[in-house]
PDB file of N, CA and C in Angstrom:
ATOM      1  N   LYS A   1     -74.449  85.416  59.597  1.00  0.00           N
ATOM      2  CA  LYS A   1     -76.003  85.401  59.790  1.00  0.00           C
ATOM      3  C   LYS A   1     -76.094  86.733  61.059  1.00  0.00           C
ATOM      4  N   LYS A   2     -75.671  85.269  62.535  1.00  0.00           N
ATOM      5  CA  LYS A   2     -75.834  86.321  63.378  1.00  0.00           C
ATOM      6  C   LYS A   2     -75.523  87.089  63.857  1.00  0.00           C
ATOM      7  N   ALA A   3     -73.874  87.635  63.305  1.00  0.00           N
ATOM      8  CA  ALA A   3     -73.582  88.996  63.742  1.00  0.00           C
ATOM      9  C   ALA A   3     -74.540  89.844  62.657  1.00  0.00           C
ATOM     10  N   LEU A   4     -74.817  89.712  61.678  1.00  0.00           N
ATOM     11  CA  LEU A   4     -75.788  90.699  61.218  1.00  0.00           C
ATOM     12  C   LEU A   4     -76.992  90.358  61.879  1.00  0.00           C
ATOM     13  N   ASP A   5     -77.650  89.429  62.693  1.00  0.00           N
ATOM     14  CA  ASP A   5     -78.701  89.476  63.245  1.00  0.00           C
ATOM     15  C   ASP A   5     -78.601  90.258  64.677  1.00  0.00           C
ATOM     16  N   CYS A   6     -77.277  89.945  64.635  1.00  0.00           N
ATOM     17  CA  CYS A   6     -76.359  90.724  66.157  1.00  0.00           C
ATOM     18  C   CYS A   6     -76.448  92.067  65.831  1.00  0.00           C
ATOM     19  N   PHE A   7     -76.319  93.089  64.848  1.00  0.00           N
ATOM     20  CA  PHE A   7     -74.707  93.851  64.003  1.00  0.00           C
ATOM     21  C   PHE A   7     -75.247  95.187  65.638  1.00  0.00           C
ATOM     22  N   PHE A   8     -76.601  95.739  65.887  1.00  0.00           N
ATOM     23  CA  PHE A   8     -76.024  96.760  66.495  1.00  0.00           C
ATOM     24  C   PHE A   8     -75.758  96.426  67.811  1.00  0.00           C
ATOM     25  N   GLU A   9     -76.413  95.479  68.740  1.00  0.00           N
ATOM     26  CA  GLU A   9     -75.887  95.052  70.057  1.00  0.00           C
ATOM     27  C   GLU A   9     -74.363  94.617  70.284  1.00  0.00           C
ATOM     28  N   LEU A  10     -73.697  94.038  68.157  1.00  0.00           N
ATOM     29  CA  LEU A  10     -72.394  93.998  69.079  1.00  0.00           C
ATOM     30  C   LEU A  10     -71.547  95.176  68.583  1.00  0.00           C
ATOM     31  N   ARG A  11     -72.128  96.028  68.300  1.00  0.00           N
ATOM     32  CA  ARG A  11     -71.572  97.409  67.504  1.00  0.00           C
ATOM     33  C   ARG A  11     -70.696  97.135  66.588  1.00  0.00           C
ATOM     34  N   LEU A  12     -71.306  96.624  65.748  1.00  0.00           N
ATOM     35  CA  LEU A  12     -70.211  96.330  64.677  1.00  0.00           C
ATOM     36  C   LEU A  12     -70.368  97.375  63.587  1.00  0.00           C
ATOM     37  N   SER A  13     -69.782  97.611  62.493  1.00  0.00           N
ATOM     38  CA  SER A  13     -69.462  98.252  61.215  1.00  0.00           C
ATOM     39  C   SER A  13     -69.691  97.882  59.663  1.00  0.00           C
ATOM     40  N   GLY A  14     -69.635  98.234  59.163  1.00  0.00           N
ATOM     41  CA  GLY A  14     -70.029  98.241  57.854  1.00  0.00           C
ATOM     42  C   GLY A  14     -69.877  98.318  56.396  1.00  0.00           C
ATOM     43  N   MET A  15     -69.868  97.755  55.665  1.00  0.00           N
ATOM     44  CA  MET A  15     -69.903  98.432  54.021  1.00  0.00           C
ATOM     45  C   MET A  15     -70.303  97.538  53.164  1.00  0.00           C
ATOM     46  N   ILE A  16     -71.886  98.172  52.731  1.00  0.00           N
ATOM     47  CA  ILE A  16     -72.349  97.967  51.431  1.00  0.00           C
ATOM     48  C   ILE A  16     -71.845  98.311  50.153  1.00  0.00           C
ATOM     49  N   THR A  17     -71.892  97.621  48.959  1.00  0.00           N
ATOM     50  CA  THR A  17     -71.591  97.966  47.480  1.00  0.00           C
ATOM     51  C   THR A  17     -72.476  98.438  46.709  1.00  0.00           C
ATOM     52  N   TYR A  18     -72.976  99.367  46.172  1.00  0.00           N
ATOM     53  CA  TYR A  18     -74.593  98.324  45.558  1.00  0.00           C
ATOM     54  C   TYR A  18     -74.043  98.758  43.596  1.00  0.00           C
ATOM     55  N   ILE A  19     -74.126  98.435  42.687  1.00  0.00           N
ATOM     56  CA  ILE A  19     -74.287  97.795  41.128  1.00  0.00           C
ATOM     57  C   ILE A  19     -75.481  98.363  41.057  1.00  0.00           C
ATOM     58  N   ASN A  20     -75.907  99.182  40.341  1.00  0.00           N
ATOM     59  CA  ASN A  20     -77.234  99.529  39.220  1.00  0.00           C
ATOM     60  C   ASN A  20     -77.702  99.533  40.200  1.00  0.00           C
ATOM     61  N   GLY A  21     -77.961  99.976  41.601  1.00  0.00           N
ATOM     62  CA  GLY A  21     -79.113 100.715  42.351  1.00  0.00           C
ATOM     63  C   GLY A  21     -79.339  99.517  43.279  1.00  0.00           C
ATOM     64  N   ASP A  22     -78.740  98.102  43.093  1.00  0.00           N
ATOM     65  CA  ASP A  22     -78.862  96.517  44.082  1.00  0.00           C
ATOM     66  C   ASP A  22     -77.159  96.455  44.514  1.00  0.00           C
ATOM     67  N   PRO A  23     -77.585  96.231  45.942  1.00  0.00           N
ATOM     68  CA  PRO A  23     -76.612  95.652  46.901  1.00  0.00           C
ATOM     69  C   PRO A  23     -76.161  94.587  46.029  1.00  0.00           C
ATOM     70  N   SER A  24     -74.712  94.511  46.180  1.00  0.00           N
ATOM     71  CA  SER A  24     -73.773  93.560  45.620  1.00  0.00           C
ATOM     72  C   SER A  24     -72.854  92.905  46.188  1.00  0.00           C
ATOM     73  N   GLY A  25     -72.369  93.349  47.382  1.00  0.00           N
ATOM     74  CA  GLY A  25     -71.440  92.966  48.309  1.00  0.00           C
ATOM     75  C   GLY A  25     -71.683  93.730  49.551  1.00  0.00           C
ATOM     76  N   TYR A  26     -70.661  92.913  50.983  1.00  0.00           N
ATOM     77  CA  TYR A  26     -71.260  93.567  51.830  1.00  0.00           C
ATOM     78  C   TYR A  26     -69.994  92.999  52.877  1.00  0.00           C
ATOM     79  N   CYS A  27     -69.134  94.008  53.866  1.00  0.00           N
ATOM     80  CA  CYS A  27     -68.342  93.062  55.002  1.00  0.00           C
ATOM     81  C   CYS A  27     -68.543  94.123  56.271  1.00  0.00           C
ATOM     82  N   CYS A  28     -68.260  93.800  57.585  1.00  0.00           N
ATOM     83  CA  CYS A  28     -68.524  93.686  58.794  1.00  0.00           C
ATOM     84  C   CYS A  28     -68.087  93.363  59.974  1.00  0.00           C
ATOM     85  N   GLY A  29     -67.512  93.990  60.492  1.00  0.00           N
ATOM     86  CA  GLY A  29     -66.976  93.949  61.611  1.00  0.00           C
ATOM     87  C   GLY A  29     -67.073  94.398  63.240  1.00  0.00           C
ATOM     88  N   GLY A  30     -65.880  94.404  63.875  1.00  0.00           N
ATOM     89  CA  GLY A  30     -66.248  95.247  65.263  1.00  0.00           C
ATOM     90  C   GLY A  30     -64.558  95.529  65.742  1.00  0.00           C
ATOM     91  N   ASP A  31     -64.484  95.840  66.559  1.00  0.00           N
ATOM     92  CA  ASP A  31     -63.785  96.777  67.283  1.00  0.00           C
ATOM     93  C   ASP A  31     -62.856  96.075  68.293  1.00  0.00           C
ATOM     94  N   ILE A  32     -62.113  95.511  68.296  1.00  0.00           N
ATOM     95  CA  ILE A  32     -61.937  94.660  69.697  1.00  0.00           C
ATOM     96  C   ILE A  32     -60.572  94.887  70.143  1.00  0.00           C
ATOM     97  N   GLY A  33     -60.499  96.264  70.838  1.00  0.00           N
ATOM     98  CA  GLY A  33     -58.875  96.510  71.547  1.00  0.00           C
ATOM     99  C   GLY A  33     -57.710  97.139  71.009  1.00  0.00           C
ATOM    100  N   GLY A  34     -58.642  97.648  69.540  1.00  0.00           N
ATOM    101  CA  GLY A  34     -57.389  98.292  68.734  1.00  0.00           C
ATOM    102  C   GLY A  34     -57.388  97.992  67.386  1.00  0.00           C
ATOM    103  N   ALA A  35     -57.980  96.481  67.056  1.00  0.00           N
ATOM    104  CA  ALA A  35     -57.599  95.829  66.365  1.00  0.00           C
ATOM    105  C   ALA A  35     -59.398  95.387  66.059  1.00  0.00           C
ATOM    106  N   TYR A  36     -59.023  95.691  64.560  1.00  0.00           N
ATOM    107  CA  TYR A  36     -60.507  95.361  63.840  1.00  0.00           C
ATOM    108  C   TYR A  36     -61.071  94.202  63.232  1.00  0.00           C
ATOM    109  N   MET A  37     -61.957  93.557  64.038  1.00  0.00           N
ATOM    110  CA  MET A  37     -61.826  91.944  63.666  1.00  0.00           C
ATOM    111  C   MET A  37     -63.058  92.001  62.387  1.00  0.00           C
ATOM    112  N   LEU A  38     -62.464  91.420  61.244  1.00  0.00           N
ATOM    113  CA  LEU A  38     -63.584  91.589  59.648  1.00  0.00           C
ATOM    114  C   LEU A  38     -64.897  89.983  59.939  1.00  0.00           C
ATOM    115  N   CYS A  39     -65.776  90.191  60.625  1.00  0.00           N
ATOM    116  CA  CYS A  39     -66.473  89.421  60.366  1.00  0.00           C
ATOM    117  C   CYS A  39     -66.774  88.190  59.602  1.00  0.00           C
ATOM    118  N   SER A  40     -67.280  88.776  58.292  1.00  0.00           N
ATOM    119  CA  SER A  40     -68.228  88.893  57.534  1.00  0.00           C
ATOM    120  C   SER A  40     -67.574  89.839  56.251  1.00  0.00           C
ATOM    121  N   ALA A  41     -67.302  89.089  55.390  1.00  0.00           N
ATOM    122  CA  ALA A  41     -67.481  89.899  53.197  1.00  0.00           C
ATOM    123  C   ALA A  41     -68.195  88.666  52.757  1.00  0.00           C
ATOM    124  N   LYS A  42     -68.907  88.886  51.388  1.00  0.00           N
ATOM    125  CA  LYS A  42     -69.531  88.575  50.966  1.00  0.00           C
ATOM    126  C   LYS A  42     -69.743  88.930  49.527  1.00  0.00           C
ATOM    127  N   GLN A  43     -70.264  88.655  48.371  1.00  0.00           N
ATOM    128  CA  GLN A  43     -70.499  89.394  47.156  1.00  0.00           C
ATOM    129  C   GLN A  43     -71.335  88.350  46.573  1.00  0.00           C
ATOM    130  N   ASN A  44     -72.591  89.432  45.925  1.00  0.00           N
ATOM    131  CA  ASN A  44     -73.444  88.631  45.070  1.00  0.00           C
ATOM    132  C   ASN A  44     -73.070  88.335  43.389  1.00  0.00           C
ATOM    133  N   SER A  45     -72.216  89.160  43.151  1.00  0.00           N
ATOM    134  CA  SER A  45     -71.931  89.455  41.687  1.00  0.00           C
ATOM    135  C   SER A  45     -70.339  88.859  41.034  1.00  0.00           C
ATOM    136  N   ASP A  46     -70.243  88.598  39.725  1.00  0.00           N
ATOM    137  CA  ASP A  46     -68.958  88.416  39.744  1.00  0.00           C
ATOM    138  C   ASP A  46     -68.328  89.552  39.192  1.00  0.00           C
ATOM    139  N   VAL A  47     -68.495  90.382  40.058  1.00  0.00           N
ATOM    140  CA  VAL A  47     -67.446  91.505  39.420  1.00  0.00           C
ATOM    141  C   VAL A  47     -65.749  91.357  40.252  1.00  0.00           C
ATOM    142  N   GLN A  48     -64.994  91.446  39.254  1.00  0.00           N
ATOM    143  CA  GLN A  48     -63.570  91.384  39.712  1.00  0.00           C
ATOM    144  C   GLN A  48     -63.457  91.921  40.536  1.00  0.00           C
ATOM    145  N   GLY A  49     -62.798  91.660  41.785  1.00  0.00           N
ATOM    146  CA  GLY A  49     -62.102  92.556  43.219  1.00  0.00           C
ATOM    147  C   GLY A  49     -63.583  93.651  44.186  1.00  0.00           C
ATOM    148  N   LEU A  50     -64.376  92.901  43.211  1.00  0.00           N
ATOM    149  CA  LEU A  50     -65.169  93.834  44.789  1.00  0.00           C
ATOM    150  C   LEU A  50     -65.471  93.623  46.204  1.00  0.00           C
ATOM    151  N   ASN A  51     -65.307  92.190  46.216  1.00  0.00           N
ATOM    152  CA  ASN A  51     -64.415  92.215  47.596  1.00  0.00           C
ATOM    153  C   ASN A  51     -63.815  92.528  48.423  1.00  0.00           C
ATOM    154  N   LEU A  52     -62.942  92.713  47.704  1.00  0.00           N
ATOM    155  CA  LEU A  52     -61.861  93.560  48.351  1.00  0.00           C
ATOM    156  C   LEU A  52     -61.621  95.281  48.033  1.00  0.00           C
ATOM    157  N   SER A  53     -62.529  95.454  46.985  1.00  0.00           N
ATOM    158  CA  SER A  53     -62.884  97.164  47.130  1.00  0.00           C
ATOM    159  C   SER A  53     -63.417  97.425  48.849  1.00  0.00           C
ATOM    160  N   THR A  54     -64.684  96.721  48.750  1.00  0.00           N
ATOM    161  CA  THR A  54     -65.636  97.106  49.781  1.00  0.00           C
ATOM    162  C   THR A  54     -65.387  96.814  50.935  1.00  0.00           C
ATOM    163  N   LYS A  55     -64.294  95.690  51.464  1.00  0.00           N
ATOM    164  CA  LYS A  55     -63.048  95.578  52.052  1.00  0.00           C
ATOM    165  C   LYS A  55     -62.144  97.324  52.767  1.00  0.00           C
ATOM    166  N   HIS A  56     -61.383  97.582  51.337  1.00  0.00           N
ATOM    167  CA  HIS A  56     -60.546  99.152  51.709  1.00  0.00           C
ATOM    168  C   HIS A  56     -61.520 100.558  51.714  1.00  0.00           C
ATOM    169  N   GLU A  57     -62.939 100.112  50.984  1.00  0.00           N
ATOM    170  CA  GLU A  57     -64.029 100.948  51.643  1.00  0.00           C
ATOM    171  C   GLU A  57     -63.891 101.774  53.055  1.00  0.00           C
ATOM    172  N   LEU A  58     -63.943 100.018  53.611  1.00  0.00           N
ATOM    173  CA  LEU A  58     -64.827 100.175  54.902  1.00  0.00           C
ATOM    174  C   LEU A  58     -63.890 100.468  55.890  1.00  0.00           C
ATOM    175  N   TYR A  59     -62.250  99.983  55.107  1.00  0.00           N
ATOM    176  CA  TYR A  59     -60.768 100.574  55.597  1.00  0.00           C
ATOM    177  C   TYR A  59     -60.430 101.535  56.736  1.00  0.00           C
ATOM    178  N   LYS A  60     -61.088 102.801  55.284  1.00  0.00           N
ATOM    179  CA  LYS A  60     -60.760 103.670  55.046  1.00  0.00           C
ATOM    180  C   LYS A  60     -61.432 104.888  56.326  1.00  0.00           C
ATOM    181  N   THR A  61     -62.939 104.377  56.619  1.00  0.00           N
ATOM    182  CA  THR A  61     -63.755 104.939  57.670  1.00  0.00           C
ATOM    183  C   THR A  61     -63.350 104.493  58.638  1.00  0.00           C
ATOM    184  N   LEU A  62     -62.574 103.740  59.441  1.00  0.00           N
ATOM    185  CA  LEU A  62     -61.984 103.015  60.502  1.00  0.00           C
ATOM    186  C   LEU A  62     -61.571 104.403  61.532  1.00  0.00           C
ATOM    187  N   PRO A  63     -61.854 104.419  62.720  1.00  0.00           N
ATOM    188  CA  PRO A  63     -60.800 105.581  63.373  1.00  0.00           C
ATOM    189  C   PRO A  63     -59.841 104.475  63.694  1.00  0.00           C
ATOM    190  N   GLU A  64     -58.923 106.176  63.855  1.00  0.00           N
ATOM    191  CA  GLU A  64     -57.364 106.252  63.855  1.00  0.00           C
ATOM    192  C   GLU A  64     -57.101 105.269  65.075  1.00  0.00           C
ATOM    193  N   HIS A  65     -57.503 104.678  65.931  1.00  0.00           N
ATOM    194  CA  HIS A  65     -57.007 104.143  67.085  1.00  0.00           C
ATOM    195  C   HIS A  65     -57.133 102.335  66.448  1.00  0.00           C
ATOM    196  N   ILE A  66     -57.611 102.125  65.385  1.00  0.00           N
ATOM    197  CA  ILE A  66     -58.015 100.692  64.574  1.00  0.00           C
ATOM    198  C   ILE A  66     -56.453 100.402  63.763  1.00  0.00           C
ATOM    199  N   THR A  67     -55.586  99.887  64.606  1.00  0.00           N
ATOM    200  CA  THR A  67     -53.996  99.535  63.941  1.00  0.00           C
ATOM    201  C   THR A  67     -54.304  98.399  63.184  1.00  0.00           C
ATOM    202  N   LEU A  68     -54.707  97.488  63.963  1.00  0.00           N
ATOM    203  CA  LEU A  68     -54.737  96.193  62.824  1.00  0.00           C
ATOM    204  C   LEU A  68     -55.832  95.252  62.507  1.00  0.00           C
ATOM    205  N   ILE A  69     -55.786  95.175  61.070  1.00  0.00           N
ATOM    206  CA  ILE A  69     -57.070  94.516  60.569  1.00  0.00           C
ATOM    207  C   ILE A  69     -56.620  92.542  60.652  1.00  0.00           C
ATOM    208  N   ASN A  70     -57.685  91.917  61.543  1.00  0.00           N
ATOM    209  CA  ASN A  70     -57.522  90.717  61.536  1.00  0.00           C
ATOM    210  C   ASN A  70     -59.100  89.948  60.170  1.00  0.00           C
ATOM    211  N   THR A  71     -58.471  89.347  59.246  1.00  0.00           N
ATOM    212  CA  THR A  71     -59.246  89.274  58.322  1.00  0.00           C
ATOM    213  C   THR A  71     -60.104  87.764  58.332  1.00  0.00           C
ATOM    214  N   GLU A  72     -60.982  87.285  57.565  1.00  0.00           N
ATOM    215  CA  GLU A  72     -61.531  86.139  57.541  1.00  0.00           C
ATOM    216  C   GLU A  72     -60.145  84.520  57.260  1.00  0.00           C
ATOM    217  N   SER A  73     -60.379  83.498  57.643  1.00  0.00           N
ATOM    218  CA  SER A  73     -59.874  82.579  57.218  1.00  0.00           C
ATOM    219  C   SER A  73     -59.151  81.948  55.641  1.00  0.00           C
ATOM    220  N   ASP A  74     -58.563  82.402  55.108  1.00  0.00           N
ATOM    221  CA  ASP A  74     -58.368  81.683  54.085  1.00  0.00           C
ATOM    222  C   ASP A  74     -58.656  80.194  54.119  1.00  0.00           C
ATOM    223  N   HIS A  75     -58.780  79.989  54.616  1.00  0.00           N
ATOM    224  CA  HIS A  75     -58.645  77.492  54.898  1.00  0.00           C
ATOM    225  C   HIS A  75     -58.507  77.086  54.317  1.00  0.00           C
ATOM    226  N   GLY A  76     -56.746  77.417  53.600  1.00  0.00           N
ATOM    227  CA  GLY A  76     -56.387  76.644  52.547  1.00  0.00           C
ATOM    228  C   GLY A  76     -56.028  77.107  51.453  1.00  0.00           C
ATOM    229  N   SER A  77     -57.434  77.765  51.037  1.00  0.00           N
ATOM    230  CA  SER A  77     -58.220  78.356  49.134  1.00  0.00           C
ATOM    231  C   SER A  77     -56.699  79.177  48.870  1.00  0.00           C
ATOM    232  N   PRO A  78     -56.188  79.132  47.522  1.00  0.00           N
ATOM    233  CA  PRO A  78     -55.313  79.649  47.167  1.00  0.00           C
ATOM    234  C   PRO A  78     -55.861  80.863  46.868  1.00  0.00           C
ATOM    235  N   GLY A  79     -56.479  81.179  45.951  1.00  0.00           N
ATOM    236  CA  GLY A  79     -58.021  82.348  46.039  1.00  0.00           C
ATOM    237  C   GLY A  79     -57.699  83.562  46.656  1.00  0.00           C
ATOM    238  N   ILE A  80     -58.297  82.715  48.297  1.00  0.00           N
ATOM    239  CA  ILE A  80     -58.501  83.979  49.165  1.00  0.00           C
ATOM    240  C   ILE A  80     -57.256  84.173  49.811  1.00  0.00           C
ATOM    241  N   ARG A  81     -56.094  83.219  49.638  1.00  0.00           N
ATOM    242  CA  ARG A  81     -54.894  83.476  49.976  1.00  0.00           C
ATOM    243  C   ARG A  81     -54.252  84.711  48.907  1.00  0.00           C
ATOM    244  N   MET A  82     -54.512  84.358  47.931  1.00  0.00           N
ATOM    245  CA  MET A  82     -54.100  85.557  47.002  1.00  0.00           C
ATOM    246  C   MET A  82     -54.773  86.696  47.853  1.00  0.00           C
ATOM    247  N   HIS A  83     -55.503  86.808  47.603  1.00  0.00           N
ATOM    248  CA  HIS A  83     -56.579  88.224  48.526  1.00  0.00           C
ATOM    249  C   HIS A  83     -56.213  88.378  49.244  1.00  0.00           C
ATOM    250  N   LYS A  84     -55.634  88.008  50.422  1.00  0.00           N
ATOM    251  CA  LYS A  84     -55.268  88.328  51.447  1.00  0.00           C
ATOM    252  C   LYS A  84     -53.773  89.189  51.340  1.00  0.00           C
ATOM    253  N   ASN A  85     -53.072  88.350  50.647  1.00  0.00           N
ATOM    254  CA  ASN A  85     -51.681  88.811  50.002  1.00  0.00           C
ATOM    255  C   ASN A  85     -51.923  90.008  49.647  1.00  0.00           C
ATOM    256  N   ASP A  86     -53.385  90.444  48.612  1.00  0.00           N
ATOM    257  CA  ASP A  86     -53.052  91.528  48.391  1.00  0.00           C
ATOM    258  C   ASP A  86     -53.404  92.914  49.248  1.00  0.00           C
ATOM    259  N   GLN A  87     -53.492  92.356  49.779  1.00  0.00           N
ATOM    260  CA  GLN A  87     -54.135  93.616  51.337  1.00  0.00           C
ATOM    261  C   GLN A  87     -52.835  93.988  52.470  1.00  0.00           C
ATOM    262  N   ARG A  88     -51.863  93.306  51.593  1.00  0.00           N
ATOM    263  CA  ARG A  88     -50.739  93.791  52.509  1.00  0.00           C
ATOM    264  C   ARG A  88     -49.968  93.187  54.087  1.00  0.00           C
ATOM    265  N   PRO A  89     -50.842  92.259  54.555  1.00  0.00           N
ATOM    266  CA  PRO A  89     -50.559  91.795  56.038  1.00  0.00           C
ATOM    267  C   PRO A  89     -48.939  92.086  56.492  1.00  0.00           C
ATOM    268  N   VAL A  90     -49.003  92.611  57.615  1.00  0.00           N
ATOM    269  CA  VAL A  90     -48.240  92.964  58.167  1.00  0.00           C
ATOM    270  C   VAL A  90     -47.621  91.274  58.834  1.00  0.00           C
ATOM    271  N   MET A  91     -48.687  90.343  59.321  1.00  0.00           N
ATOM    272  CA  MET A  91     -48.297  89.078  59.694  1.00  0.00           C
ATOM    273  C   MET A  91     -49.671  87.504  59.603  1.00  0.00           C
ATOM    274  N   MET A  92     -49.177  86.847  59.671  1.00  0.00           N
ATOM    275  CA  MET A  92     -49.995  85.693  58.295  1.00  0.00           C
ATOM    276  C   MET A  92     -49.819  85.051  60.027  1.00  0.00           C
ATOM    277  N   ASN A  93     -50.885  83.838  60.268  1.00  0.00           N
ATOM    278  CA  ASN A  93     -50.609  82.830  61.019  1.00  0.00           C
ATOM    279  C   ASN A  93     -50.225  81.509  60.623  1.00  0.00           C
ATOM    280  N   GLU A  94     -49.749  80.822  61.233  1.00  0.00           N
ATOM    281  CA  GLU A  94     -49.462  79.510  60.347  1.00  0.00           C
ATOM    282  C   GLU A  94     -50.594  78.526  60.663  1.00  0.00           C
ATOM    283  N   VAL A  95     -51.670  77.432  60.145  1.00  0.00           N
ATOM    284  CA  VAL A  95     -52.658  76.785  60.228  1.00  0.00           C
ATOM    285  C   VAL A  95     -51.573  75.460  59.751  1.00  0.00           C
ATOM    286  N   TYR A  96     -51.985  74.304  61.425  1.00  0.00           N
ATOM    287  CA  TYR A  96     -51.883  73.655  61.236  1.00  0.00           C
ATOM    288  C   TYR A  96     -53.139  72.541  61.018  1.00  0.00           C
ATOM    289  N   THR A  97     -53.066  71.401  60.731  1.00  0.00           N
ATOM    290  CA  THR A  97     -53.155  70.422  60.080  1.00  0.00           C
ATOM    291  C   THR A  97     -53.431  68.720  61.187  1.00  0.00           C
ATOM    292  N   GLY A  98     -53.734  68.298  61.486  1.00  0.00           N
ATOM    293  CA  GLY A  98     -53.713  67.397  62.449  1.00  0.00           C
ATOM    294  C   GLY A  98     -54.661  65.971  62.214  1.00  0.00           C
ATOM    295  N   THR A  99     -54.565  65.263  62.350  1.00  0.00           N
ATOM    296  CA  THR A  99     -55.284  64.269  62.595  1.00  0.00           C
ATOM    297  C   THR A  99     -55.537  63.356  63.409  1.00  0.00           C
ATOM    298  N   VAL A 100     -55.683  62.511  63.976  1.00  0.00           N
ATOM    299  CA  VAL A 100     -56.472  61.895  65.103  1.00  0.00           C
ATOM    300  C   VAL A 100     -56.749  60.294  64.881  1.00  0.00           C
TER     301      VAL A 100
END
């Protein structure tokens, strides 16, 4: 919500997908030194692949100096991990869990 509230001040860019004239999904992020940091991606439709499609449409609009895209964390979710792998990552950070 904060990213959308401060969209222009943070110089973010984004994409909205419409189905039958209604907004059905969006994603947004910003340029951080040649890497694009994806801040948020959501959909309110059960259309399979809408989230991934919306992201890919946004990625096609990015300037040439953007060479990497840092997507959101999968938090260990197998479904999100599958979608991240569909995007053909060049690298993925290891995630560790600890207890105190």
